[in-house]
Amino acid sequence: MDNSSGVGVLDKAALVLSALESGPATLAGLVSATGLARPTAHRLAVALEHHRMVARDIQGRFILGPRLAELSAAAGEDRLLATAGPVLTHLRDVTGESAQLYRRQGDMRICVAAAERLSGLRDTVPVGSTLPMKAGSAAQILMAWEEPERLHRGLQGARFTATALSGVRRRGWAQSIGEREPGVASVSAPVRGPSNRVVAAVSVSGPIERLTRHPGRMHAQAVIDAAMRLSEALRRSN
């Protein structure tokens, strides 16, 4: 079977990336795996490294680069959004509160999907809203499993502490009471991608009068169940 697309340089770049799928490779290893001439393999690997599609490990071997993970996450977001609507609607109906899905973007979090409580006093977070990573149960979820250095930076000026995030990791859910906004309480749980990395946070939020000062007791299990349904959908579609 001919795998040529008719665009030679792209075909050769694809050969390099496919060769690295099985693990780190030296230049000699790339030449052997791809059948490319040594100067060609080197030129392509370095060019792909410039675009972050290839990187080097501590021994200087070529490995798949971080840009591929970012593109994979973006594709995962499309699958996540396709599944989010009915899951959030069910969560809203089960809890009687507004439900949201947040993703992290730099030092902010964005509401990428929502199902609002249909009547009465409610916490409204429109889709597309940008909120800080310094307060709220969804921010705690999106922060809790970060690498230590990013976690340390993110805690500066935050309304929650490292000890609180340790509790979040242990329980598997987070709650906040008047942390993001006075009078509002929320409960959140992590959505995990196929690699088990936290890619989003599912939340319910509403007035403290209804959710009480212990909102996790009321809604943690429903939020965890919704997060697990979304995580499972991402695993199935991978």
Protein backbone atom coordinates (compact mmCIF):
# COMPACT_ATOMS: atom_id res chain seq x y z
CA MET A 1 0.00 0.00 0.00
CA ASP A 2 1.33 3.42 -0.98
CA ASN A 3 1.38 5.82 1.99
CA SER A 4 2.54 8.75 -0.12
CA SER A 5 0.38 11.86 0.00
CA GLY A 6 2.19 13.40 -2.93
CA VAL A 7 3.81 16.00 -0.64
CA GLY A 8 7.23 14.50 -0.06
CA VAL A 9 8.41 16.64 2.84
CA LEU A 10 5.23 15.96 4.82
CA ASP A 11 5.46 12.24 4.14
CA LYS A 12 9.02 12.23 5.48
CA ALA A 13 8.08 14.29 8.55
CA ALA A 14 5.26 11.80 9.23
CA LEU A 15 7.81 8.97 9.02
CA VAL A 16 9.93 10.68 11.69
CA LEU A 17 6.95 11.18 14.04
CA SER A 18 5.76 7.61 13.52
CA ALA A 19 9.27 6.31 14.31
CA LEU A 20 9.23 8.23 17.62
CA GLU A 21 5.85 6.79 18.59
CA SER A 22 7.58 3.69 19.96
CA GLY A 23 9.97 5.72 22.14
CA PRO A 24 13.16 7.83 22.14
CA ALA A 25 15.54 7.49 19.19
CA THR A 26 19.04 8.64 18.35
CA LEU A 27 19.69 10.07 14.90
CA ALA A 28 21.05 6.66 13.85
CA GLY A 29 17.87 5.07 15.17
CA LEU A 30 15.74 7.48 13.15
CA VAL A 31 17.71 6.74 10.00
CA SER A 32 17.27 3.00 10.57
CA ALA A 33 13.54 3.26 11.36
CA THR A 34 12.59 5.64 8.54
CA GLY A 35 14.99 4.67 5.75
CA LEU A 36 15.74 8.36 5.24
CA ALA A 37 19.23 9.63 4.45
CA ARG A 38 21.05 10.79 7.58
CA PRO A 39 21.14 14.53 6.58
CA THR A 40 17.41 14.43 5.70
CA ALA A 41 16.43 12.73 8.96
CA HIS A 42 18.49 15.24 10.94
CA ARG A 43 17.10 18.26 9.08
CA LEU A 44 13.50 17.12 9.54
CA ALA A 45 13.93 16.22 13.22
CA VAL A 46 15.48 19.62 13.99
CA ALA A 47 12.74 21.42 12.02
CA LEU A 48 10.05 19.48 13.92
CA GLU A 49 11.87 20.35 17.16
CA HIS A 50 11.60 24.05 16.22
CA HIS A 51 7.82 23.60 16.02
CA ARG A 52 7.80 21.65 19.34
CA MET A 53 6.51 18.50 17.64
CA VAL A 54 9.81 16.82 18.50
CA ALA A 55 11.90 17.38 21.63
CA ARG A 56 15.03 15.86 23.23
CA ASP A 57 15.30 13.78 26.34
CA ILE A 58 18.03 14.17 28.95
CA GLN A 59 20.35 11.95 26.87
CA GLY A 60 19.83 14.05 23.76
CA ARG A 61 17.66 11.49 21.99
CA PHE A 62 14.71 12.62 19.91
CA ILE A 63 11.23 12.17 21.46
CA LEU A 64 7.71 13.29 20.62
CA GLY A 65 7.27 16.96 21.57
CA PRO A 66 4.77 18.86 23.76
CA ARG A 67 2.93 20.43 20.83
CA LEU A 68 1.46 17.03 19.97
CA ALA A 69 -0.03 16.76 23.46
CA GLU A 70 -1.52 20.24 23.09
CA LEU A 71 -3.12 19.34 19.76
CA SER A 72 -4.41 16.10 21.26
CA ALA A 73 -5.96 18.03 24.15
CA ALA A 74 -7.67 20.39 21.68
CA ALA A 75 -9.14 17.39 19.84
CA GLY A 76 -10.19 16.01 23.21
CA GLU A 77 -11.95 19.28 24.00
CA ASP A 78 -14.16 18.83 20.93
CA ARG A 79 -15.13 15.35 22.16
CA LEU A 80 -15.62 16.72 25.66
CA LEU A 81 -18.00 19.44 24.46
CA ALA A 82 -19.96 16.99 22.33
CA THR A 83 -20.65 14.92 25.47
CA ALA A 84 -20.98 17.75 27.99
CA GLY A 85 -24.50 18.96 27.14
CA PRO A 86 -26.54 15.94 28.25
CA VAL A 87 -24.23 15.22 31.20
CA LEU A 88 -24.56 18.78 32.58
CA THR A 89 -28.32 18.77 31.97
CA HIS A 90 -28.64 15.55 33.96
CA LEU A 91 -26.44 16.98 36.74
CA ARG A 92 -28.61 20.11 36.89
CA ASP A 93 -31.78 18.02 37.07
CA VAL A 94 -30.39 15.73 39.77
CA THR A 95 -29.07 18.53 42.00
CA GLY A 96 -31.55 21.30 41.14
CA GLU A 97 -28.60 23.69 40.70
CA SER A 98 -26.77 25.27 37.77
CA ALA A 99 -24.01 23.05 36.34
CA GLN A 100 -20.84 24.15 34.53
CA LEU A 101 -17.77 22.72 32.82
CA TYR A 102 -14.50 24.66 33.13
CA ARG A 103 -11.15 24.33 31.38
CA ARG A 104 -7.94 26.05 32.37
CA GLN A 105 -6.35 28.56 30.04
CA GLY A 106 -3.14 30.04 31.45
CA ASP A 107 -3.94 31.86 34.70
CA MET A 108 -7.67 31.83 34.05
CA ARG A 109 -10.44 29.27 33.72
CA ILE A 110 -13.14 29.39 31.08
CA CYS A 111 -16.71 28.13 31.28
CA VAL A 112 -16.94 25.98 28.12
CA ALA A 113 -20.40 24.50 28.75
CA ALA A 114 -23.27 25.08 31.18
CA ALA A 115 -26.81 24.02 32.09
CA GLU A 116 -28.62 26.65 34.14
CA ARG A 117 -31.24 26.07 36.81
CA LEU A 118 -34.52 26.86 35.11
CA SER A 119 -36.13 29.09 37.74
CA GLY A 120 -35.61 30.80 41.07
CA LEU A 121 -32.41 32.16 42.56
CA ARG A 122 -29.42 30.71 40.71
CA ASP A 123 -25.75 31.23 39.97
CA THR A 124 -25.46 32.13 36.28
CA VAL A 125 -22.09 31.61 34.56
CA PRO A 126 -22.50 32.20 30.80
CA VAL A 127 -20.53 29.99 28.41
CA GLY A 128 -17.33 31.84 27.49
CA SER A 129 -17.02 33.52 30.89
CA THR A 130 -13.43 33.89 32.09
CA LEU A 131 -12.87 33.49 35.82
CA PRO A 132 -9.70 33.63 37.93
CA MET A 133 -7.77 30.56 39.05
CA LYS A 134 -7.44 32.06 42.54
CA ALA A 135 -10.88 31.19 43.96
CA GLY A 136 -13.73 28.72 43.64
CA SER A 137 -14.01 24.95 43.75
CA ALA A 138 -13.38 24.54 40.00
CA ALA A 139 -10.12 26.49 40.33
CA GLN A 140 -9.12 24.17 43.19
CA ILE A 141 -9.74 21.12 40.97
CA LEU A 142 -7.83 22.55 38.00
CA MET A 143 -4.92 23.45 40.30
CA ALA A 144 -4.74 20.48 42.68
CA TRP A 145 -3.03 18.00 40.33
CA GLU A 146 -0.58 20.46 38.72
CA GLU A 147 3.20 19.92 38.82
CA PRO A 148 4.75 21.26 42.05
CA GLU A 149 6.33 24.35 40.48
CA ARG A 150 3.15 25.45 38.70
CA LEU A 151 1.14 24.63 41.83
CA HIS A 152 3.41 26.80 43.98
CA ARG A 153 3.09 29.73 41.57
CA GLY A 154 -0.67 29.32 41.34
CA LEU A 155 -1.13 29.43 45.10
CA GLN A 156 0.31 32.94 45.33
CA GLY A 157 -2.62 35.20 46.10
CA ALA A 158 -5.13 32.32 46.03
CA ARG A 159 -8.08 32.08 48.44
CA PHE A 160 -7.18 28.43 49.11
CA THR A 161 -4.02 26.80 50.51
CA ALA A 162 -1.73 23.89 49.67
CA THR A 163 -3.28 22.01 52.61
CA ALA A 164 -6.74 22.52 51.14
CA LEU A 165 -5.58 21.17 47.77
CA SER A 166 -4.06 18.15 49.50
CA GLY A 167 -7.55 17.46 50.89
CA VAL A 168 -9.02 17.88 47.40
CA ARG A 169 -6.62 15.26 45.98
CA ARG A 170 -7.46 12.87 48.82
CA ARG A 171 -11.26 13.27 48.49
CA GLY A 172 -11.43 13.63 44.73
CA TRP A 173 -13.71 16.69 44.90
CA ALA A 174 -13.62 20.32 46.06
CA GLN A 175 -16.09 22.75 47.59
CA SER A 176 -16.13 26.49 48.12
CA ILE A 177 -18.35 28.72 50.23
CA GLY A 178 -18.37 32.41 49.29
CA GLU A 179 -14.85 32.04 47.87
CA ARG A 180 -15.41 33.28 44.32
CA GLU A 181 -18.47 35.39 45.04
CA PRO A 182 -20.22 36.28 48.34
CA GLY A 183 -23.31 34.17 48.95
CA VAL A 184 -22.40 31.52 46.37
CA ALA A 185 -21.33 27.95 47.13
CA SER A 186 -20.08 25.30 44.70
CA VAL A 187 -18.86 21.72 44.39
CA SER A 188 -16.48 20.48 41.65
CA ALA A 189 -14.81 17.26 40.51
CA PRO A 190 -12.08 16.47 37.94
CA VAL A 191 -12.58 15.26 34.38
CA ARG A 192 -9.59 13.16 33.29
CA GLY A 193 -8.30 12.52 29.79
CA PRO A 194 -7.06 9.14 28.50
CA SER A 195 -3.64 9.71 30.13
CA ASN A 196 -5.41 10.31 33.50
CA ARG A 197 -4.44 14.00 33.40
CA VAL A 198 -7.06 16.46 34.70
CA VAL A 199 -8.41 18.29 31.63
CA ALA A 200 -11.51 19.98 33.04
CA ALA A 201 -13.65 20.54 36.12
CA VAL A 202 -17.38 19.84 36.45
CA SER A 203 -19.23 22.05 38.93
CA VAL A 204 -22.60 22.81 40.44
CA SER A 205 -23.13 26.21 42.03
CA GLY A 206 -25.90 28.13 43.73
CA PRO A 207 -26.81 30.24 46.77
CA ILE A 208 -25.40 29.20 50.13
CA GLU A 209 -28.97 29.25 51.48
CA ARG A 210 -29.73 26.13 49.42
CA LEU A 211 -26.31 24.47 49.18
CA THR A 212 -25.56 25.19 52.88
CA ARG A 213 -22.08 25.70 54.25
CA HIS A 214 -21.30 22.03 53.51
CA PRO A 215 -22.27 21.75 49.83
CA GLY A 216 -20.11 18.67 49.30
CA ARG A 217 -22.33 16.62 51.61
CA MET A 218 -25.30 17.36 49.35
CA HIS A 219 -23.81 17.21 45.88
CA ALA A 220 -20.28 15.72 45.80
CA GLN A 221 -21.44 12.27 44.64
CA ALA A 222 -23.59 13.64 41.80
CA VAL A 223 -20.74 15.87 40.61
CA ILE A 224 -18.23 12.99 40.80
CA ASP A 225 -20.61 10.78 38.79
CA ALA A 226 -20.92 13.47 36.09
CA ALA A 227 -17.14 13.91 35.94
CA MET A 228 -16.68 10.15 35.62
CA ARG A 229 -19.19 10.00 32.74
CA LEU A 230 -17.24 12.69 30.87
CA SER A 231 -13.90 11.01 31.64
CA GLU A 232 -15.25 7.70 30.34
CA ALA A 233 -16.47 9.39 27.15
CA LEU A 234 -12.97 10.77 26.53
CA ARG A 235 -11.41 7.34 27.10
CA ARG A 236 -13.86 5.65 24.72
CA SER A 237 -13.22 8.15 21.95
CA ASN A 238 -9.43 7.95 22.23
